Amino acid sequence: MTEKISRNILQGWFQHYSSDLLVFFCRKVGEPDADDLVQEVYLRALTYPLSATIIKPRAFLFRIATNLVVDHVRKQSYRQHDNYEEIEYRTITSLLGPEDSLCGTERNG
């Protein structure tokens, strides 16, 4: 069984670096999501398998944070892409008359 990072060690790291992580997330993704992402860093670090000694805890935590920013940006881009398709569909169907819209649905379906 792989050893996990102890909660006591991790809590010490977070007492020391959580405000830095919060500032980092505020700059990268905005304030509304920053608190949640700081908590996600904690959860990921808590479940990280400790196969080697972590010499630089700040670098370790910020590597997790950077990966979370990348994930967050990807999710946002997918959401925006999905929204554009929905907006395009609504716009097209509102421009067409009921018969055109029905015929288009029958052709596509």
N, C-alpha and C. Protein backbone atom coordinates (compact mmCIF):
# COMPACT_ATOMS: atom_id res chain seq x y z
N MET A 1 0.84 -1.18 0.00
CA MET A 1 0.00 0.00 0.00
C MET A 1 0.89 1.25 0.00
N THR A 2 0.49 2.25 -0.77
CA THR A 2 1.28 3.48 -0.85
C THR A 2 0.90 4.41 0.28
N GLU A 3 1.90 5.02 0.83
CA GLU A 3 1.67 5.96 1.93
C GLU A 3 1.17 7.29 1.37
N LYS A 4 0.25 7.90 2.07
CA LYS A 4 -0.30 9.21 1.67
C LYS A 4 0.33 10.30 2.54
N ILE A 5 0.23 11.52 2.07
CA ILE A 5 0.72 12.66 2.85
C ILE A 5 -0.13 12.78 4.11
N SER A 6 0.50 12.95 5.25
CA SER A 6 -0.28 13.04 6.49
C SER A 6 -1.04 14.37 6.54
N ARG A 7 -2.18 14.31 7.17
CA ARG A 7 -3.02 15.51 7.29
C ARG A 7 -2.32 16.60 8.09
N ASN A 8 -1.57 16.22 9.10
CA ASN A 8 -0.88 17.23 9.92
C ASN A 8 0.15 18.00 9.10
N ILE A 9 0.91 17.28 8.30
CA ILE A 9 1.90 17.95 7.46
C ILE A 9 1.21 18.85 6.45
N LEU A 10 0.18 18.32 5.82
CA LEU A 10 -0.55 19.09 4.81
C LEU A 10 -1.22 20.32 5.40
N GLN A 11 -1.77 20.19 6.59
CA GLN A 11 -2.40 21.35 7.24
C GLN A 11 -1.36 22.43 7.53
N GLY A 12 -0.17 22.02 7.92
CA GLY A 12 0.90 23.00 8.14
C GLY A 12 1.26 23.73 6.86
N TRP A 13 1.35 22.97 5.78
CA TRP A 13 1.66 23.60 4.49
C TRP A 13 0.56 24.59 4.10
N PHE A 14 -0.68 24.20 4.33
CA PHE A 14 -1.78 25.08 3.96
C PHE A 14 -1.88 26.32 4.83
N GLN A 15 -1.54 26.20 6.08
CA GLN A 15 -1.52 27.40 6.93
C GLN A 15 -0.50 28.39 6.39
N HIS A 16 0.55 27.86 5.87
CA HIS A 16 1.63 28.70 5.37
C HIS A 16 1.38 29.23 3.96
N TYR A 17 0.76 28.43 3.07
CA TYR A 17 0.68 28.78 1.65
C TYR A 17 -0.72 29.04 1.11
N SER A 18 -1.76 28.87 1.91
CA SER A 18 -3.12 29.01 1.37
C SER A 18 -3.42 30.42 0.86
N SER A 19 -2.90 31.44 1.54
CA SER A 19 -3.15 32.80 1.05
C SER A 19 -2.44 33.04 -0.28
N ASP A 20 -1.24 32.47 -0.46
CA ASP A 20 -0.55 32.58 -1.75
C ASP A 20 -1.34 31.87 -2.85
N LEU A 21 -1.88 30.70 -2.52
CA LEU A 21 -2.69 29.98 -3.50
C LEU A 21 -3.95 30.76 -3.87
N LEU A 22 -4.57 31.38 -2.88
CA LEU A 22 -5.77 32.16 -3.14
C LEU A 22 -5.47 33.32 -4.08
N VAL A 23 -4.39 34.02 -3.84
CA VAL A 23 -3.99 35.14 -4.71
C VAL A 23 -3.72 34.62 -6.13
N PHE A 24 -3.03 33.49 -6.22
CA PHE A 24 -2.72 32.88 -7.51
C PHE A 24 -4.00 32.58 -8.28
N PHE A 25 -4.96 31.95 -7.63
CA PHE A 25 -6.21 31.59 -8.30
C PHE A 25 -7.03 32.84 -8.65
N CYS A 26 -7.02 33.84 -7.79
CA CYS A 26 -7.75 35.07 -8.11
C CYS A 26 -7.21 35.71 -9.39
N ARG A 27 -5.91 35.69 -9.54
CA ARG A 27 -5.29 36.26 -10.74
C ARG A 27 -5.55 35.41 -11.98
N LYS A 28 -5.55 34.11 -11.81
CA LYS A 28 -5.65 33.22 -12.97
C LYS A 28 -7.07 32.95 -13.44
N VAL A 29 -8.00 32.77 -12.49
CA VAL A 29 -9.37 32.37 -12.88
C VAL A 29 -10.45 33.30 -12.35
N GLY A 30 -10.09 34.22 -11.50
CA GLY A 30 -11.08 35.13 -10.94
C GLY A 30 -11.49 34.73 -9.53
N GLU A 31 -11.96 35.70 -8.80
CA GLU A 31 -12.29 35.52 -7.39
C GLU A 31 -13.41 34.52 -7.12
N PRO A 32 -14.47 34.47 -7.94
CA PRO A 32 -15.58 33.56 -7.60
C PRO A 32 -15.18 32.09 -7.46
N ASP A 33 -14.21 31.64 -8.23
CA ASP A 33 -13.83 30.22 -8.20
C ASP A 33 -12.59 29.95 -7.36
N ALA A 34 -11.93 30.98 -6.89
CA ALA A 34 -10.64 30.83 -6.23
C ALA A 34 -10.72 29.99 -4.95
N ASP A 35 -11.69 30.24 -4.09
CA ASP A 35 -11.80 29.48 -2.83
C ASP A 35 -12.00 27.99 -3.08
N ASP A 36 -12.86 27.68 -4.05
CA ASP A 36 -13.10 26.27 -4.37
C ASP A 36 -11.84 25.59 -4.89
N LEU A 37 -11.07 26.30 -5.69
CA LEU A 37 -9.86 25.71 -6.25
C LEU A 37 -8.79 25.52 -5.18
N VAL A 38 -8.72 26.42 -4.20
CA VAL A 38 -7.79 26.22 -3.08
C VAL A 38 -8.15 24.94 -2.33
N GLN A 39 -9.43 24.73 -2.11
CA GLN A 39 -9.86 23.50 -1.44
C GLN A 39 -9.54 22.26 -2.28
N GLU A 40 -9.67 22.40 -3.59
CA GLU A 40 -9.35 21.28 -4.47
C GLU A 40 -7.86 20.93 -4.41
N VAL A 41 -7.01 21.95 -4.27
CA VAL A 41 -5.57 21.68 -4.10
C VAL A 41 -5.36 20.83 -2.85
N TYR A 42 -6.02 21.19 -1.78
CA TYR A 42 -5.91 20.44 -0.53
C TYR A 42 -6.33 18.99 -0.73
N LEU A 43 -7.48 18.79 -1.37
CA LEU A 43 -7.98 17.43 -1.58
C LEU A 43 -7.05 16.60 -2.46
N ARG A 44 -6.55 17.21 -3.51
CA ARG A 44 -5.64 16.46 -4.39
C ARG A 44 -4.33 16.14 -3.68
N ALA A 45 -3.83 17.09 -2.91
CA ALA A 45 -2.59 16.84 -2.17
C ALA A 45 -2.80 15.75 -1.12
N LEU A 46 -3.96 15.74 -0.52
CA LEU A 46 -4.28 14.76 0.51
C LEU A 46 -4.30 13.34 -0.05
N THR A 47 -4.71 13.19 -1.27
CA THR A 47 -4.78 11.86 -1.88
C THR A 47 -3.55 11.52 -2.72
N TYR A 48 -2.58 12.42 -2.75
CA TYR A 48 -1.38 12.20 -3.54
C TYR A 48 -0.54 11.07 -2.94
N PRO A 49 -0.18 10.06 -3.74
CA PRO A 49 0.66 8.99 -3.20
C PRO A 49 2.07 9.49 -2.94
N LEU A 50 2.54 9.26 -1.77
CA LEU A 50 3.85 9.78 -1.38
C LEU A 50 4.92 8.72 -1.66
N SER A 51 5.38 8.69 -2.91
CA SER A 51 6.41 7.72 -3.27
C SER A 51 7.81 8.29 -3.09
N ALA A 52 7.92 9.59 -3.00
CA ALA A 52 9.21 10.25 -2.77
C ALA A 52 8.98 11.39 -1.79
N THR A 53 10.02 11.81 -1.15
CA THR A 53 9.93 12.92 -0.20
C THR A 53 9.70 14.22 -0.97
N ILE A 54 8.78 15.01 -0.48
CA ILE A 54 8.52 16.31 -1.09
C ILE A 54 9.41 17.32 -0.38
N ILE A 55 10.41 17.80 -1.11
CA ILE A 55 11.40 18.71 -0.54
C ILE A 55 10.89 20.15 -0.55
N LYS A 56 10.15 20.50 -1.60
CA LYS A 56 9.64 21.87 -1.74
C LYS A 56 8.12 21.84 -1.75
N PRO A 57 7.51 21.94 -0.57
CA PRO A 57 6.05 21.85 -0.51
C PRO A 57 5.34 22.95 -1.30
N ARG A 58 5.90 24.15 -1.31
CA ARG A 58 5.27 25.25 -2.06
C ARG A 58 5.22 24.92 -3.54
N ALA A 59 6.32 24.42 -4.08
CA ALA A 59 6.35 24.05 -5.50
C ALA A 59 5.38 22.91 -5.78
N PHE A 60 5.29 21.96 -4.86
CA PHE A 60 4.37 20.84 -5.00
C PHE A 60 2.92 21.34 -5.06
N LEU A 61 2.54 22.21 -4.13
CA LEU A 61 1.18 22.74 -4.09
C LEU A 61 0.87 23.59 -5.32
N PHE A 62 1.84 24.37 -5.75
CA PHE A 62 1.61 25.22 -6.91
C PHE A 62 1.58 24.43 -8.21
N ARG A 63 2.23 23.29 -8.25
CA ARG A 63 2.11 22.41 -9.43
C ARG A 63 0.69 21.89 -9.52
N ILE A 64 0.13 21.48 -8.39
CA ILE A 64 -1.27 21.05 -8.37
C ILE A 64 -2.17 22.21 -8.78
N ALA A 65 -1.90 23.40 -8.25
CA ALA A 65 -2.72 24.57 -8.56
C ALA A 65 -2.66 24.90 -10.05
N THR A 66 -1.49 24.82 -10.64
CA THR A 66 -1.35 25.11 -12.07
C THR A 66 -2.15 24.11 -12.90
N ASN A 67 -2.10 22.84 -12.52
CA ASN A 67 -2.89 21.83 -13.22
C ASN A 67 -4.38 22.11 -13.09
N LEU A 68 -4.80 22.57 -11.92
CA LEU A 68 -6.21 22.90 -11.72
C LEU A 68 -6.64 24.09 -12.58
N VAL A 69 -5.75 25.07 -12.74
CA VAL A 69 -6.06 26.22 -13.61
C VAL A 69 -6.27 25.74 -15.04
N VAL A 70 -5.39 24.86 -15.51
CA VAL A 70 -5.53 24.32 -16.87
C VAL A 70 -6.86 23.59 -17.01
N ASP A 71 -7.19 22.75 -16.04
CA ASP A 71 -8.48 22.04 -16.07
C ASP A 71 -9.65 23.01 -16.07
N HIS A 72 -9.55 24.04 -15.24
CA HIS A 72 -10.62 25.02 -15.12
C HIS A 72 -10.83 25.77 -16.44
N VAL A 73 -9.74 26.17 -17.07
CA VAL A 73 -9.83 26.89 -18.34
C VAL A 73 -10.44 26.00 -19.42
N ARG A 74 -10.04 24.73 -19.44
CA ARG A 74 -10.63 23.79 -20.40
C ARG A 74 -12.13 23.66 -20.20
N LYS A 75 -12.55 23.50 -18.95
CA LYS A 75 -13.98 23.37 -18.66
C LYS A 75 -14.74 24.62 -19.10
N GLN A 76 -14.16 25.78 -18.81
CA GLN A 76 -14.80 27.04 -19.21
C GLN A 76 -14.91 27.13 -20.73
N SER A 77 -13.89 26.71 -21.43
CA SER A 77 -13.92 26.78 -22.89
C SER A 77 -14.97 25.83 -23.45
N TYR A 78 -15.11 24.64 -22.86
CA TYR A 78 -16.15 23.72 -23.29
C TYR A 78 -17.53 24.29 -23.02
N ARG A 79 -17.71 24.89 -21.87
CA ARG A 79 -19.00 25.49 -21.53
C ARG A 79 -19.35 26.60 -22.50
N GLN A 80 -18.38 27.45 -22.83
CA GLN A 80 -18.64 28.55 -23.76
C GLN A 80 -18.97 27.99 -25.14
N HIS A 81 -18.26 26.96 -25.54
CA HIS A 81 -18.52 26.35 -26.84
C HIS A 81 -19.94 25.78 -26.88
N ASP A 82 -20.33 25.10 -25.83
CA ASP A 82 -21.68 24.56 -25.75
C ASP A 82 -22.72 25.68 -25.80
N ASN A 83 -22.46 26.77 -25.11
CA ASN A 83 -23.39 27.90 -25.10
C ASN A 83 -23.54 28.48 -26.50
N TYR A 84 -22.44 28.60 -27.25
CA TYR A 84 -22.52 29.17 -28.59
C TYR A 84 -23.39 28.31 -29.50
N GLU A 85 -23.27 26.99 -29.38
CA GLU A 85 -24.11 26.13 -30.20
C GLU A 85 -25.58 26.30 -29.84
N GLU A 86 -25.87 26.42 -28.56
CA GLU A 86 -27.26 26.60 -28.12
C GLU A 86 -27.79 27.95 -28.59
N ILE A 87 -26.98 29.00 -28.47
CA ILE A 87 -27.41 30.34 -28.90
C ILE A 87 -27.63 30.35 -30.40
N GLU A 88 -26.73 29.71 -31.15
CA GLU A 88 -26.87 29.64 -32.60
C GLU A 88 -28.17 28.92 -32.97
N TYR A 89 -28.46 27.82 -32.32
CA TYR A 89 -29.67 27.06 -32.60
C TYR A 89 -30.92 27.91 -32.31
N ARG A 90 -30.92 28.58 -31.16
CA ARG A 90 -32.07 29.42 -30.80
C ARG A 90 -32.26 30.55 -31.80
N THR A 91 -31.16 31.16 -32.22
CA THR A 91 -31.23 32.27 -33.16
C THR A 91 -31.78 31.81 -34.49
N ILE A 92 -31.28 30.70 -34.99
CA ILE A 92 -31.74 30.18 -36.28
C ILE A 92 -33.20 29.80 -36.21
N THR A 93 -33.61 29.10 -35.17
CA THR A 93 -35.01 28.67 -35.08
C THR A 93 -35.95 29.85 -34.86
N SER A 94 -35.47 30.93 -34.23
CA SER A 94 -36.35 32.09 -34.05
C SER A 94 -36.48 32.88 -35.35
N LEU A 95 -35.49 32.81 -36.24
CA LEU A 95 -35.56 33.50 -37.51
C LEU A 95 -36.44 32.76 -38.51
N LEU A 96 -36.51 31.46 -38.37
CA LEU A 96 -37.31 30.65 -39.28
C LEU A 96 -38.77 30.63 -38.81
N GLY A 97 -39.64 30.41 -39.74
CA GLY A 97 -41.04 30.27 -39.39
C GLY A 97 -41.29 28.89 -38.81
N PRO A 98 -42.47 28.64 -38.26
CA PRO A 98 -42.78 27.34 -37.66
C PRO A 98 -42.62 26.19 -38.65
N GLU A 99 -43.06 26.39 -39.93
CA GLU A 99 -42.94 25.32 -40.92
C GLU A 99 -41.48 25.03 -41.24
N ASP A 100 -40.66 26.11 -41.40
CA ASP A 100 -39.24 25.92 -41.70
C ASP A 100 -38.55 25.20 -40.57
N SER A 101 -38.88 25.59 -39.36
CA SER A 101 -38.26 24.98 -38.20
C SER A 101 -38.61 23.49 -38.11
N LEU A 102 -39.90 23.17 -38.35
CA LEU A 102 -40.35 21.79 -38.31
C LEU A 102 -39.69 20.95 -39.40
N CYS A 103 -39.60 21.50 -40.62
CA CYS A 103 -38.96 20.78 -41.72
C CYS A 103 -37.48 20.54 -41.42
N GLY A 104 -36.82 21.52 -40.84
CA GLY A 104 -35.41 21.36 -40.49
C GLY A 104 -35.22 20.29 -39.44
N THR A 105 -36.14 20.22 -38.49
CA THR A 105 -36.06 19.21 -37.44
C THR A 105 -36.27 17.82 -38.03
N GLU A 106 -37.23 17.71 -38.95
CA GLU A 106 -37.49 16.42 -39.58
C GLU A 106 -36.32 15.96 -40.44
N ARG A 107 -35.67 16.92 -41.15
CA ARG A 107 -34.51 16.56 -41.97
C ARG A 107 -33.34 16.10 -41.11
N ASN A 108 -33.11 16.79 -39.98
CA ASN A 108 -31.98 16.46 -39.10
C ASN A 108 -32.26 15.22 -38.27
N GLY A 109 -33.50 14.99 -37.94
CA GLY A 109 -33.83 13.89 -37.04
C GLY A 109 -34.07 12.65 -37.77
